[in-house]
Amino acid sequence: MVEEIFSLKNILIYLLIINLIGFYAMWSDKRRAKKGKWRIPEQTLFLITALGGGIGTIAGMYTFRHKTKKLRFVIGFPAILILEIILVIFLKFVY
């Protein structure tokens, strides 16, 4: 049962969806910033990245030139993504 839930297909679908959400969140926050409206909290953007949306949030950050002047994001998003990749490699080959 658990193997069916965590199948490669389901994991790839999840990663696609969370990265699309990350890309959309960066677009939406940039749009809201331009209009002076309520913004997506920075913690939420980091949470999306930590949940596997690193590629989407990084792509959105540079596509929309959003948060690119904040070192916390420029270093933080890629650092989270790299740590996740290392964790996956570790779990796959060492553990």
Protein backbone atom coordinates (compact mmCIF):
# COMPACT_ATOMS: atom_id res chain seq x y z
CA MET A 1 0.00 0.00 0.00
CA VAL A 2 2.71 2.52 1.01
CA GLU A 3 4.77 1.53 -2.02
CA GLU A 4 1.82 2.43 -4.24
CA ILE A 5 1.48 5.88 -2.67
CA PHE A 6 5.20 6.62 -2.99
CA SER A 7 5.57 5.32 -6.52
CA LEU A 8 7.94 7.14 -8.87
CA LYS A 9 4.96 8.36 -10.88
CA ASN A 10 3.27 9.90 -7.82
CA ILE A 11 6.51 11.49 -6.63
CA LEU A 12 7.08 13.07 -10.05
CA ILE A 13 3.49 14.35 -10.16
CA TYR A 14 3.92 15.85 -6.68
CA LEU A 15 7.20 17.53 -7.65
CA LEU A 16 5.64 18.96 -10.80
CA ILE A 17 2.69 20.37 -8.87
CA ILE A 18 4.74 21.83 -5.97
CA ASN A 19 7.14 23.48 -8.42
CA LEU A 20 4.27 24.98 -10.40
CA ILE A 21 2.88 26.29 -7.10
CA GLY A 22 6.30 27.78 -6.30
CA PHE A 23 6.56 29.46 -9.69
CA TYR A 24 3.02 30.80 -9.37
CA ALA A 25 3.67 32.05 -5.82
CA MET A 26 6.67 34.08 -6.97
CA TRP A 27 4.67 35.53 -9.89
CA SER A 28 1.71 36.32 -7.66
CA ASP A 29 3.83 37.93 -4.94
CA LYS A 30 5.66 40.08 -7.49
CA ARG A 31 2.36 41.19 -9.00
CA ARG A 32 0.97 42.02 -5.57
CA ALA A 33 4.14 43.96 -4.68
CA LYS A 34 3.76 46.13 -7.78
CA LYS A 35 0.14 46.87 -6.86
CA GLY A 36 0.85 47.52 -3.19
CA LYS A 37 -1.46 44.70 -2.10
CA TRP A 38 -1.23 42.04 0.61
CA ARG A 39 1.89 39.91 0.08
CA ILE A 40 2.68 36.25 0.45
CA PRO A 41 4.73 35.88 3.67
CA GLU A 42 8.42 35.12 3.11
CA GLN A 43 8.08 32.08 5.40
CA THR A 44 5.46 30.67 3.01
CA LEU A 45 7.82 31.05 0.05
CA PHE A 46 10.53 29.23 2.01
CA LEU A 47 8.04 26.53 3.03
CA ILE A 48 7.07 25.91 -0.61
CA THR A 49 10.77 25.61 -1.44
CA ALA A 50 11.38 23.23 1.47
CA LEU A 51 8.45 21.05 0.41
CA GLY A 52 10.19 20.34 -2.89
CA GLY A 53 9.35 23.46 -4.90
CA GLY A 54 12.90 24.77 -5.13
CA ILE A 55 13.15 24.63 -8.91
CA GLY A 56 9.85 26.48 -9.29
CA THR A 57 10.61 29.20 -6.74
CA ILE A 58 14.12 29.76 -8.09
CA ALA A 59 12.81 29.88 -11.67
CA GLY A 60 10.10 32.31 -10.58
CA MET A 61 12.58 34.43 -8.64
CA TYR A 62 14.71 35.03 -11.71
CA THR A 63 11.95 35.04 -14.33
CA PHE A 64 10.04 37.78 -12.51
CA ARG A 65 13.11 39.42 -10.94
CA HIS A 66 11.50 39.01 -7.55
CA LYS A 67 13.51 38.84 -4.31
CA THR A 68 16.76 38.78 -6.31
CA LYS A 69 18.23 41.60 -4.21
CA LYS A 70 17.61 39.74 -0.96
CA LEU A 71 20.60 37.58 -0.10
CA ARG A 72 18.37 35.45 2.09
CA PHE A 73 16.52 34.26 -1.03
CA VAL A 74 19.41 34.23 -3.48
CA ILE A 75 21.36 31.91 -1.18
CA GLY A 76 18.50 30.31 0.75
CA PHE A 77 16.44 28.85 -2.11
CA PRO A 78 19.39 27.16 -3.85
CA ALA A 79 20.79 25.96 -0.50
CA ILE A 80 17.50 24.26 0.34
CA LEU A 81 17.36 22.66 -3.11
CA ILE A 82 20.95 21.40 -2.87
CA LEU A 83 20.34 19.95 0.60
CA GLU A 84 17.24 18.16 -0.68
CA ILE A 85 19.19 16.69 -3.60
CA ILE A 86 21.94 15.51 -1.23
CA LEU A 87 19.30 13.97 1.05
CA VAL A 88 17.68 12.08 -1.84
CA ILE A 89 21.08 10.78 -3.00
CA PHE A 90 21.93 9.74 0.55
CA LEU A 91 18.63 7.94 1.06
CA LYS A 92 18.86 6.23 -2.32
CA PHE A 93 22.46 5.04 -2.25
CA VAL A 94 23.68 5.04 1.35
CA TYR A 95 20.65 4.28 3.48
